[in-house]
Structure formats: structure tokens, C-alpha cells
Protein backbone atom coordinates (compact mmCIF):
# COMPACT_ATOMS: atom_id res chain seq x y z
CA MET A 1 0.00 0.00 0.00
CA LYS A 2 2.91 2.35 0.69
CA ILE A 3 4.16 1.77 -2.88
CA LEU A 4 0.76 2.42 -4.47
CA GLY A 5 0.21 5.53 -2.36
CA THR A 6 3.58 6.91 -3.35
CA ILE A 7 2.95 6.21 -7.04
CA ALA A 8 -0.45 7.89 -6.85
CA ALA A 9 1.01 10.97 -5.20
CA LEU A 10 3.80 11.19 -7.78
CA VAL A 11 1.33 10.86 -10.63
CA MET A 12 -0.68 13.73 -9.17
CA LEU A 13 2.51 15.78 -8.92
CA CYS A 14 3.56 15.07 -12.49
CA MET A 15 0.15 15.96 -13.91
CA SER A 16 0.74 19.63 -13.10
CA PRO A 17 1.06 21.80 -16.24
CA ALA A 18 4.67 22.64 -15.42
CA ALA A 19 5.58 18.98 -15.71
CA ALA A 20 4.45 18.63 -19.29
CA GLN A 21 7.50 20.12 -20.98
CA GLN A 22 9.95 18.21 -23.12
CA SER A 23 13.66 17.65 -23.02
CA SER A 24 16.12 15.60 -25.03
CA SER A 25 18.09 13.73 -22.39
CA VAL A 26 17.11 11.27 -19.69
CA PHE A 27 19.47 13.10 -17.30
CA THR A 28 18.06 16.57 -18.06
CA MET A 29 14.37 15.84 -17.85
CA SER A 30 11.92 18.69 -17.74
CA PRO A 31 10.52 20.16 -14.54
CA GLY A 32 7.74 19.18 -12.28
CA ILE A 33 8.48 22.52 -10.55
CA ARG A 34 11.29 24.92 -11.42
CA ALA A 35 14.37 24.71 -9.25
CA PRO A 36 14.74 27.94 -7.22
CA GLU A 37 17.67 30.13 -8.18
CA GLU A 38 20.13 31.73 -5.78
CA GLY A 39 18.62 34.84 -4.26
CA ASP A 40 15.00 33.92 -5.07
CA VAL A 41 14.07 34.18 -1.39
CA PRO A 42 16.02 36.33 1.07
CA GLN A 43 17.94 34.18 3.52
CA ALA A 44 16.28 35.76 6.55
CA ILE A 45 12.85 34.82 5.21
CA GLN A 46 14.02 31.30 4.38
CA ASP A 47 15.36 30.87 7.91
CA SER A 48 12.13 32.11 9.47
CA LEU A 49 9.88 29.88 7.35
CA ASN A 50 12.05 26.76 7.51
CA PRO A 51 14.07 27.02 10.73
CA VAL A 52 16.66 24.49 11.89
CA ARG A 53 15.26 23.21 15.15
CA PRO A 54 17.48 21.80 17.94
CA PHE A 55 18.77 18.33 17.18
CA TRP A 56 17.13 16.94 20.29
CA VAL A 57 13.71 17.59 18.69
CA PRO A 58 13.89 14.77 16.09
CA ILE A 59 15.62 12.54 18.64
CA VAL A 60 12.65 12.95 20.98
CA GLU A 61 10.25 12.37 18.07
CA VAL A 62 12.04 9.16 17.08
CA THR A 63 11.96 7.98 20.68
CA GLY A 64 8.24 8.76 20.86
CA LEU A 65 7.53 6.79 17.68
CA ASN A 66 9.54 3.80 18.91
CA THR A 67 7.81 3.90 22.29
CA SER A 68 4.35 4.06 20.68
CA LEU A 69 5.10 1.12 18.38
CA THR A 70 6.53 -0.88 21.26
CA LEU A 71 3.41 -0.35 23.36
CA PHE A 72 1.19 -1.29 20.40
CA ASN A 73 3.18 -4.46 19.71
CA ARG A 74 3.13 -5.47 23.37
CA TYR A 75 -0.40 -4.65 24.49
CA VAL A 76 -2.46 -4.61 21.28
CA ALA A 77 -0.75 -7.02 18.88
CA ASN A 78 0.67 -9.11 21.77
CA SER A 79 3.77 -9.86 19.70
CA PRO A 80 6.19 -12.26 21.41
CA PHE A 81 9.25 -10.20 20.45
CA ALA A 82 7.79 -7.14 22.22
CA ARG A 83 7.74 -8.75 25.68
CA ILE A 84 10.64 -6.66 26.88
CA SER A 85 12.06 -5.90 30.31
CA PHE A 86 15.19 -4.48 31.89
CA GLN A 87 16.63 -7.97 31.65
CA THR A 88 16.04 -8.27 27.87
CA VAL A 89 17.72 -4.89 27.36
CA ALA A 90 20.70 -5.98 29.45
CA ASP A 91 20.88 -9.25 27.50
CA ASN A 92 20.86 -7.33 24.21
CA PHE A 93 23.78 -5.16 25.30
CA LYS A 94 25.65 -8.22 26.53
CA HIS A 95 25.07 -10.16 23.31
CA GLY A 96 25.67 -7.35 20.82
CA PHE A 97 24.81 -7.34 17.13
CA ASP A 98 23.86 -10.55 15.34
CA PHE A 99 21.68 -11.49 12.34
CA ASP A 100 17.96 -12.22 12.37
CA ALA A 101 15.66 -14.64 10.56
CA ASP A 102 12.85 -12.33 9.45
CA LYS A 103 11.23 -12.64 6.04
CA PHE A 104 13.05 -11.23 3.03
CA ILE A 105 10.46 -8.50 2.41
CA THR A 106 10.63 -7.44 6.07
CA ASN A 107 14.40 -7.08 6.16
CA GLN A 108 15.05 -5.73 2.69
CA TRP A 109 11.96 -3.58 2.07
CA ALA A 110 9.99 -2.78 5.23
CA HIS A 111 12.98 -1.77 7.36
CA PRO A 112 14.18 0.92 4.90
CA PHE A 113 10.71 2.48 4.93
CA ASN A 114 10.79 2.52 8.72
CA GLY A 115 14.18 4.23 8.53
CA ALA A 116 12.71 6.82 6.15
CA LEU A 117 10.25 7.78 8.91
CA PHE A 118 13.12 8.32 11.36
CA TYR A 119 15.08 10.24 8.74
CA ASN A 120 12.29 12.68 7.88
CA PHE A 121 11.74 13.66 11.49
CA ALA A 122 15.15 15.34 11.23
CA ARG A 123 14.98 16.43 7.61
CA SER A 124 11.66 18.21 8.16
CA THR A 125 13.07 20.14 11.12
CA GLY A 126 15.69 21.79 8.92
CA HIS A 127 18.60 19.34 9.22
CA ASP A 128 20.69 18.17 6.26
CA TYR A 129 21.23 14.67 4.88
CA TRP A 130 24.05 13.75 7.24
CA ALA A 131 22.32 14.83 10.43
CA SER A 132 19.14 13.09 9.28
CA LEU A 133 21.12 9.92 8.54
CA THR A 134 22.46 10.08 12.10
CA THR A 135 18.88 10.30 13.37
CA ALA A 136 17.90 7.20 11.38
CA MET A 137 20.92 5.36 12.78
CA PHE A 138 19.95 6.34 16.32
CA GLY A 139 16.30 5.32 15.81
CA SER A 140 17.25 1.93 14.46
CA TRP A 141 19.84 1.33 17.23
CA GLN A 142 17.28 2.29 19.85
CA TRP A 143 14.72 -0.11 18.45
CA GLU A 144 17.14 -3.02 18.11
CA TYR A 145 18.42 -2.77 21.69
CA PHE A 146 15.36 -1.58 23.62
CA ALA A 147 12.19 -2.62 21.74
CA GLU A 148 12.77 -6.33 21.08
CA ASN A 149 13.70 -9.31 23.23
CA GLU A 150 15.78 -10.75 20.39
CA PRO A 151 19.47 -9.93 19.88
CA PRO A 152 19.94 -6.70 17.91
CA ALA A 153 20.32 -7.41 14.19
CA ILE A 154 23.18 -5.80 12.29
CA ASN A 155 21.33 -6.35 9.02
CA ASP A 156 18.34 -4.39 10.35
CA TRP A 157 20.53 -1.54 11.58
CA ILE A 158 22.24 -1.12 8.20
CA GLN A 159 19.06 -1.44 6.15
CA THR A 160 17.00 0.83 8.38
CA SER A 161 19.73 3.46 8.63
CA ILE A 162 21.48 3.56 5.25
CA SER A 163 18.68 2.49 2.91
CA GLY A 164 16.24 4.36 5.18
CA ALA A 165 18.18 7.55 4.49
CA PHE A 166 18.04 6.77 0.77
CA LEU A 167 14.26 6.42 0.75
CA GLY A 168 13.89 9.23 3.29
CA GLU A 169 15.72 11.82 1.18
CA MET A 170 13.99 10.63 -1.97
CA THR A 171 10.51 10.94 -0.42
CA TYR A 172 11.47 14.29 1.15
CA ARG A 173 12.39 15.62 -2.29
CA PHE A 174 9.18 14.26 -3.81
CA SER A 175 7.06 15.87 -1.11
CA SER A 176 8.85 19.20 -1.64
CA LEU A 177 7.71 19.12 -5.26
CA ILE A 178 4.13 18.52 -4.16
CA ILE A 179 3.98 21.20 -1.44
CA ASP A 180 2.90 24.65 -2.61
CA GLU A 181 2.28 27.07 0.26
CA SER A 182 0.90 29.71 -2.11
CA ALA A 183 -2.00 27.38 -2.98
CA THR A 184 -5.35 27.60 -1.20
CA GLY A 185 -8.67 25.78 -1.11
CA SER A 186 -9.08 22.24 -2.38
CA GLU A 187 -5.81 22.32 -4.31
CA ARG A 188 -3.91 23.06 -1.11
CA THR A 189 -5.79 20.31 0.73
CA TRP A 190 -4.98 17.65 -1.86
CA ARG A 191 -1.35 18.74 -2.08
CA GLU A 192 -0.92 18.45 1.68
CA ILE A 193 -2.60 15.04 1.72
CA ALA A 194 -0.38 13.78 -1.12
CA ALA A 195 2.76 15.13 0.57
CA PHE A 196 1.72 13.41 3.81
CA VAL A 197 1.29 10.08 1.98
CA VAL A 198 4.77 10.37 0.46
CA ALA A 199 6.52 11.50 3.67
CA PRO A 200 4.30 10.89 6.73
CA THR A 201 6.66 12.11 9.46
CA ARG A 202 7.34 15.28 7.50
CA GLY A 203 3.57 15.73 7.27
CA PHE A 204 3.32 15.24 11.03
CA ASN A 205 5.85 18.02 11.64
CA ARG A 206 4.16 20.30 9.13
CA LEU A 207 0.96 19.80 11.11
CA ILE A 208 2.34 20.43 14.61
CA TYR A 209 4.42 23.44 13.52
CA GLY A 210 1.58 25.03 11.56
CA GLN A 211 3.30 24.83 8.15
CA MET A 212 0.44 22.79 6.75
CA PHE A 213 -1.94 25.74 7.06
CA ARG A 214 0.18 28.81 6.47
CA THR A 215 0.02 30.75 3.21
CA THR A 216 3.14 32.38 1.82
CA PRO A 217 4.23 33.47 -1.66
CA TYR A 218 7.74 32.15 -1.04
CA GLY A 219 9.05 28.78 -2.16
CA VAL A 220 11.39 27.90 0.69
CA TYR A 221 11.86 24.19 -0.01
CA GLU A 222 14.51 23.06 -2.44
CA GLN A 223 13.06 21.77 -5.69
CA GLU A 224 14.81 20.26 -8.68
CA ARG A 225 13.50 19.39 -12.12
CA MET A 226 11.97 15.93 -12.44
CA GLY A 227 10.66 13.68 -15.19
CA ALA A 228 8.84 10.37 -14.98
CA ASN A 229 7.36 7.53 -17.01
CA VAL A 230 4.35 5.65 -15.64
CA THR A 231 3.67 2.35 -17.43
CA PHE A 232 0.99 -0.34 -17.38
CA GLY A 233 1.37 -3.75 -18.97
CA LEU A 234 1.73 -7.52 -18.83
CA ASP A 235 4.68 -9.36 -17.33
CA ASN A 236 6.01 -12.92 -17.63
CA ILE A 237 8.74 -14.26 -15.31
CA ALA A 238 10.15 -17.60 -16.40
CA PRO A 239 12.86 -19.94 -15.10
CA GLY A 240 15.47 -20.73 -17.73
CA VAL A 241 15.36 -18.94 -21.08
CA ASP A 242 11.85 -20.09 -22.03
CA LEU A 243 9.83 -17.14 -23.32
CA LYS A 244 6.43 -18.85 -22.94
CA ASN A 245 6.05 -20.67 -19.65
CA GLY A 246 6.33 -18.68 -16.47
CA SER A 247 4.56 -16.55 -13.91
CA LYS A 248 2.26 -14.13 -15.75
CA ASN A 249 1.05 -10.94 -14.09
CA TYR A 250 -0.27 -7.47 -14.64
CA SER A 251 2.36 -4.82 -14.05
CA ILE A 252 2.63 -1.14 -13.16
CA GLY A 253 5.97 0.63 -13.44
CA LEU A 254 7.50 3.98 -12.56
CA GLU A 255 10.77 5.46 -13.79
CA VAL A 256 11.93 8.76 -12.30
CA THR A 257 14.88 11.03 -13.00
CA TYR A 258 15.27 13.88 -10.52
CA GLY A 259 17.65 16.80 -10.85
CA GLN A 260 20.06 18.29 -13.36
CA PRO A 261 23.51 17.07 -12.33
CA PHE A 262 25.33 18.90 -15.12
CA ARG A 263 23.91 22.29 -14.14
CA ARG A 264 25.87 22.58 -10.88
CA ALA A 265 29.62 22.67 -10.39
CA VAL A 266 29.12 20.57 -7.22
CA ASN A 267 26.15 18.35 -6.36
CA LYS A 268 25.24 17.71 -2.74
CA PRO A 269 23.30 14.64 -1.47
CA PHE A 270 20.44 13.70 -3.78
CA ASP A 271 20.51 16.79 -5.97
CA PHE A 272 20.30 14.03 -8.56
CA PHE A 273 18.82 10.54 -8.31
CA ARG A 274 17.23 7.89 -10.49
CA MET A 275 14.78 5.14 -9.60
CA ASN A 276 13.15 2.42 -11.66
CA MET A 277 10.50 0.22 -10.11
CA ALA A 278 7.73 -2.19 -11.08
CA LEU A 279 4.97 -3.93 -9.15
CA ASN A 280 3.59 -7.16 -10.62
CA PHE A 281 0.27 -8.52 -9.38
CA GLY A 282 -2.63 -10.72 -10.42
CA ILE A 283 -2.07 -14.45 -10.83
CA THR A 284 0.74 -14.74 -8.28
CA LYS A 285 1.28 -12.82 -5.06
CA PRO A 286 2.60 -9.27 -5.58
CA ASN A 287 6.24 -9.05 -6.55
CA GLY A 288 8.52 -6.65 -8.39
CA TYR A 289 11.74 -4.70 -8.35
CA PHE A 290 13.25 -1.38 -7.30
CA TYR A 291 16.58 -0.02 -8.55
CA GLY A 292 17.76 3.34 -7.29
CA TYR A 293 20.87 5.45 -6.93
CA GLY A 294 21.55 9.03 -5.89
CA VAL A 295 24.56 11.30 -5.75
CA LEU A 296 26.08 11.97 -2.32
CA THR A 297 28.65 14.39 -3.66
CA GLY A 298 29.51 15.00 -7.28
CA LYS A 299 31.74 17.39 -9.20
CA ARG A 300 31.20 18.52 -12.77
CA VAL A 301 34.31 18.12 -14.94
CA GLY A 302 35.27 18.85 -18.54
CA GLU A 303 35.07 21.98 -20.65
CA GLU A 304 31.60 21.12 -22.01
CA ASN A 305 30.11 20.27 -18.59
CA ASN A 306 28.98 16.85 -19.81
CA VAL A 307 30.61 14.67 -17.14
CA VAL A 308 29.99 14.39 -13.39
CA ILE A 309 32.13 12.21 -11.14
CA GLY A 310 31.42 11.54 -7.49
CA LEU A 311 30.22 9.33 -4.68
CA PHE A 312 26.84 7.60 -5.05
CA GLN A 313 24.48 5.65 -2.83
CA HIS A 314 22.53 2.62 -4.16
CA TYR A 315 19.52 0.67 -3.01
CA ASP A 316 18.17 -2.36 -4.90
CA TYR A 317 15.32 -4.73 -4.11
CA LEU A 318 14.12 -7.56 -6.38
CA SER A 319 11.63 -10.23 -5.44
CA ASN A 320 9.69 -12.55 -7.75
CA PRO A 321 8.76 -16.27 -7.94
CA VAL A 322 12.19 -17.15 -9.41
CA TYR A 323 14.77 -15.09 -7.51
CA ARG A 324 15.22 -12.52 -4.75
CA LEU A 325 18.05 -10.04 -4.33
CA GLY A 326 18.70 -7.00 -2.16
CA ALA A 327 21.69 -4.68 -1.88
CA THR A 328 22.66 -1.52 -0.01
CA ALA A 329 25.81 -0.05 -1.51
CA ILE A 330 28.00 3.07 -1.66
CA GLY A 331 30.72 3.76 -4.22
CA VAL A 332 32.22 5.89 -6.95
CA GLY A 333 30.45 6.68 -10.19
CA THR A 334 30.17 8.93 -13.20
CA LEU A 335 27.34 10.47 -15.20
CA PHE A 336 27.90 11.46 -18.81
CA ARG A 337 26.01 12.75 -21.84
CA SER A 338 26.62 13.85 -25.39
CA SER A 339 26.69 17.56 -26.21
CA GLU A 340 23.37 17.41 -28.05
CA GLY A 341 21.79 15.43 -25.19
CA ALA A 342 20.56 12.45 -27.26
CA PHE A 343 22.92 10.04 -25.50
CA ALA A 344 23.37 9.75 -21.73
CA GLY A 345 24.56 7.17 -19.29
CA SER A 346 26.23 6.29 -16.02
CA ALA A 347 28.78 3.83 -14.65
CA HIS A 348 29.30 2.81 -11.01
CA LEU A 349 31.58 0.65 -8.87
CA SER A 350 30.31 0.21 -5.31
CA GLY A 351 30.90 -1.74 -2.14
CA ILE A 352 27.85 -3.62 -0.86
CA LEU A 353 27.46 -2.89 2.85
CA MET A 354 24.67 -5.43 3.24
CA GLY A 355 23.14 -7.69 0.62
CA ALA A 356 20.85 -10.70 0.51
CA ALA A 357 20.00 -13.40 -2.03
CA ASN A 358 17.73 -16.43 -1.94
CA SER A 359 19.52 -19.79 -1.70
CA VAL A 360 18.42 -23.42 -1.85
CA TYR A 361 21.03 -24.15 0.84
CA ALA A 362 20.31 -21.32 3.28
CA GLU A 363 17.79 -23.27 5.35
CA GLU A 364 20.59 -25.69 6.30
CA PHE A 365 22.02 -22.94 8.52
CA GLU A 366 20.09 -21.78 11.58
CA VAL A 367 20.52 -18.33 13.04
CA ALA A 368 22.41 -19.35 16.18
CA SER A 369 20.90 -16.76 18.51
CA LEU A 370 17.32 -17.52 17.39
CA ASP A 371 17.37 -21.25 16.67
CA SER A 372 15.67 -20.59 13.35
CA SER A 373 16.63 -20.31 9.70
CA ARG A 374 15.94 -18.32 6.54
CA ASP A 375 15.72 -19.26 2.87
CA TYR A 376 18.22 -16.56 1.87
CA ASN A 377 21.79 -15.58 2.71
CA PHE A 378 23.19 -12.32 4.04
CA GLY A 379 26.44 -11.05 2.63
CA SER A 380 28.63 -8.14 1.62
CA GLY A 381 30.67 -7.62 -1.52
CA ALA A 382 30.69 -5.39 -4.58
CA GLU A 383 28.42 -4.11 -7.33
CA VAL A 384 29.01 -2.82 -10.86
CA ARG A 385 26.26 -0.91 -12.66
CA VAL A 386 26.09 0.60 -16.15
CA GLU A 387 23.18 2.48 -17.74
CA LEU A 388 22.94 3.72 -21.35
CA ASN A 389 20.17 5.77 -22.94
CA TYR A 390 19.84 6.86 -26.55
CA GLN A 391 17.04 8.93 -28.08
CA VAL A 392 16.55 8.80 -31.86
CA ALA A 393 13.42 10.22 -33.49
CA ILE A 394 10.41 8.61 -31.76
CA VAL A 395 12.43 5.79 -30.17
CA ARG A 396 14.29 5.72 -26.85
CA LEU A 397 16.65 2.81 -26.29
CA TYR A 398 17.76 1.84 -22.79
CA ALA A 399 20.19 -0.81 -21.61
CA GLY A 400 21.11 -1.45 -18.00
CA TYR A 401 23.42 -4.06 -16.53
CA SER A 402 24.08 -4.76 -12.87
CA PHE A 403 26.55 -7.31 -11.52
CA TYR A 404 26.65 -8.30 -7.85
CA TRP A 405 29.24 -10.27 -5.92
CA LEU A 406 27.99 -11.36 -2.49
CA HIS A 407 30.23 -13.19 -0.05
CA THR A 408 28.09 -14.94 2.56
CA MET A 409 28.32 -13.51 6.06
CA GLN A 410 25.46 -15.56 7.50
CA GLY A 411 23.94 -18.55 5.72
CA ALA A 412 25.33 -21.11 3.27
CA PRO A 413 29.09 -20.35 3.06
CA GLY A 414 30.24 -19.32 -0.38
CA ASP A 415 29.98 -16.63 -3.02
CA GLU A 416 27.06 -15.55 -5.18
CA LEU A 417 27.81 -13.98 -8.59
CA ILE A 418 24.67 -12.43 -10.00
CA GLY A 419 24.17 -10.43 -13.20
CA ILE A 420 21.02 -8.77 -14.52
CA LEU A 421 20.78 -7.33 -18.06
CA ARG A 422 17.76 -5.11 -18.78
CA PRO A 423 17.29 -3.79 -22.32
CA LYS A 424 14.19 -1.69 -22.92
CA VAL A 425 12.70 0.20 -25.86
CA PHE A 426 10.15 3.01 -25.79
CA PHE A 427 8.14 4.08 -28.86
CA ASN A 428 6.60 7.55 -28.57
CA ILE A 429 2.96 7.79 -29.62
CA GLY A 430 2.20 11.47 -29.92
CA ASP A 431 3.59 13.93 -27.37
CA ARG A 432 3.11 11.99 -24.17
CA TRP A 433 1.96 8.42 -24.75
CA GLN A 434 4.34 5.55 -25.42
CA ALA A 435 4.43 1.81 -25.94
CA GLY A 436 7.35 -0.43 -25.19
CA LEU A 437 9.03 -3.73 -24.51
CA GLU A 438 11.31 -4.69 -21.64
CA TYR A 439 13.41 -7.81 -21.23
CA ALA A 440 15.50 -8.98 -18.29
CA PHE A 441 18.10 -11.73 -18.38
CA TYR A 442 19.20 -13.03 -14.97
CA HIS A 443 22.29 -15.20 -14.59
CA ARG A 444 23.70 -16.54 -11.36
CA GLN A 445 26.60 -18.67 -10.27
CA GLY A 446 26.89 -19.99 -6.73
CA ARG A 447 30.27 -21.19 -5.55
CA TYR A 448 30.25 -23.12 -2.24
CA HIS A 449 33.83 -24.43 -2.02
CA GLY A 450 32.87 -28.11 -1.92
CA LEU A 451 30.33 -27.79 0.91
CA PHE A 452 27.41 -27.97 -1.55
CA PRO A 453 27.09 -28.53 -5.29
CA ASP A 454 27.73 -25.29 -7.18
CA ILE A 455 24.81 -23.76 -9.08
CA ASP A 456 24.54 -22.10 -12.48
CA LEU A 457 21.10 -20.59 -13.11
CA ARG A 458 19.41 -18.64 -15.89
CA SER A 459 16.01 -16.99 -15.95
CA ASN A 460 14.29 -14.22 -17.86
CA GLU A 461 11.45 -11.74 -17.66
CA GLN A 462 9.47 -10.13 -20.46
CA ARG A 463 7.21 -7.13 -20.18
CA VAL A 464 5.05 -5.30 -22.73
CA PHE A 465 3.58 -1.98 -21.69
CA VAL A 466 1.92 1.29 -22.55
CA GLY A 467 2.79 4.42 -20.64
CA TYR A 468 2.53 8.12 -20.18
CA ARG A 469 5.55 10.40 -20.05
CA PHE A 470 5.74 13.34 -17.66
CA GLY A 471 8.60 15.72 -18.21
CA GLY A 472 11.10 14.58 -20.83
């Protein structure tokens, strides 16, 4: 429901007249709302309308949210893990970090969204990315040690903190595009509701500090240009390379490019990011994928301002009836484009702080502290990602390749080598509508050093879709 609500809010945002302008490059997509220029709003007015509140404010808010959830889990849901005491807290500090055995979707998807709530308590009180990341780290640490009677999980702390900051900054930027404090009446109401759906804890702070109801002609929240493609279609996920037999579903997709990285000499956290996601549903239980990366710091180089190099953050989540994969990574990367803007791309080399992949051998290994097991492995390693886009006449060609190396930290000992190739073609139908085809080829080698038979797997996914383009 969180995914569908976010998509709905973004669609509403992109349907504004300002979003329907064209551009020639996937990395210079046209605006949802114009990015404010230096000097647009006097600094004194900016500070008064969007003040930086003391850092203890979001810390107290995070503690309040954790306390409320703990009480709900204990006395309403009666969850076994929430039966805490001074003794369980002492045991957690004595034991220290370990791994847990929660479901894949809980660890790799739900925890980052929880971290985004922590993050936006700080971000919406005027703090920057790094301070807000610290808040998410504190909130997750507090929960792991004080709110559960199970040993604190290092995988949860990393996913909630690091990937939580990723989703938190992304949703903060989206909500800034939706908010318009010069609007009144029903338009203002719907904008505030949509912004609340996208970033609930920011909406909470806007409510308690009166920002939700004030009217001002000034745009005090940072806004960058954004473009998006929303697609609807049919999807088939098949083991092996068979194009016919597989898991067939309906599919909704969203591709977003935010920011103009070549416009600035230096990019700060998430001045630019890209995300590509799909939700498949119908015949099988819901499944899908999310690929995203954003700049942490990037410098424009070259005389023609067509190259950016820097540090990037990545968050990937893939789950379907054939395979599951998750990765939280940070590393170096570059963005590039041709002078005329028809060709654009990126290349990245990153270290995976925490990753996970399904394994037929994982259930052989119990989580020692919990006396239970999972059907996937946790690991760290490295990731390589390349994206290429080319626009010619009415056709846009896209090719993306990601390669993951995961060395098992907890689970079936060994190494997973996973590659995913995703070519895609868009055919423009008029100014905004498009039709297209997407293919994904998944290859995987598992090397277990004689403990288990090695594996060599292939699978593929095909998707046909129609869509509507907002921005470029």
C-alpha cells in the first residue's frame, strides 16, 4: 500500500502543467516545478519559514515513535518479540549485534521504509542529509536494543539506517515538489494530503508546527527538475530462457529522474537521483523490483560540462517467484552525456554494505541466537552498474546491466555472482503516450567451495507496456 500511495502521489505531482514540458536527455528531464535560483528568497525569510530546530527535537520524536510502536506491539498485537524488560535490554547489550531470521520482504523492504520515517523527522526540522542519517541510525539502534527481546540485528541496523536515508531523502524531495504554500482551497488540501502520503513524518511536523496551514508566496523548499514515465502492462517471469512458460502478471511501473547534475559545479546529497520500479500482481502474489541510486557528492568536470564524477548511494530490491536479491551499496560513479543530449549514461563501482540473495542451501544454517533459519543468505561484496540511454526520433533505447558479488556472512558459506541485463525500448505515440518492450536476463553462479554442489542458473522476464511520459 505504501508503494501504491507513493505512485499515486507522484502521478498527481507530475500531472501539473509545469511537468508537461519536453527535453532531449534522460538526465536533463523537464521540470515538475522549477528549481529555485540563488537569491529567489532572502535568507532571513528562508530561515524564518524553515528554521533548523534543535537536534534533540527529532531525537525525541524518534523515541516517541519507537515507544508508541513498542506499546502497540506489546499490548495490542501481543507480539512475542515485544515482551521486553530491563533484563532483555541488558541481554541485548551483553550479546551485541547478530543477524535475524525475518522474512526477506521485512528485512530488505519494510525496514528501509521505517528508517525513512526516522530520517524525515530530522529532515523536516531543517537538518541536512548527514544529520538526518544520524537520526535514522539512532532510531534503528534504539529499536534493536530496547524494543525487542531478540538480539539486535546488524542487518536491520544497516538497512534501516542507510537504505532508510536513501528512501527518506527521496521521499522528502518528492514531497517538496508537491507542497505549494501559495496554494489555497481544495488544491492546497490535496497537495498536503499527497505530501503526507509520500513522507508521513514530515507531514506530522508540518501539522504540529503550523506549516500545513500557512500561506506564503515564497518557495522555501529546495526543488529540482523531475521527469517520470508511468507504465501499465503484462509481465512474464520464467525460469530458464523459455519465453512462454512462467509466472504471468499485470504490471505497473514507474521510472523517475530527478535533478540536473550537469547544471551545478558541485552536487550535494540527492541533488540528482534515479529510480526504476515495477509492481507485478494478479495471478501470483505481488512481486517486483526497485533499482535506485543518488549522488552523495559530485563534481562537474570537462570543458563542455557533460561529465559528473562523485560518490553515489545505491539501493536495490528484487523479489519474484524465481529469484530474490537486495543490496545496499556506496561507491564511486560517473554520469555522462553527449553535447546534443541524445545520449546519456552512467557507470558505477560500489561496495555492498549489506546484501541478501535467496539460496536453496540457506535453510541448512540456523541463526544461532534464534534457533531458526531463513531461505536466503546475508552477505557483503561489490556491485558494478552501467546504464545507457539513446534517443533517436520517436524511439528511446535503454540498456542497464548490474553485476553483484555477495560473499556470505550468514547462511550457506560461499559466493554468489549475479548479473542482470535489462534492455528496454520506448516508442513515442504522440507527445506523451508511449508503448514499449522490456526484457530482463538473470544469470547466477553460486560457488560453495565443496560444501554444496555449485549452481549455475538462468532466468528471464518479459514485459510489454503502454505508458505516459511526464517531463522529458
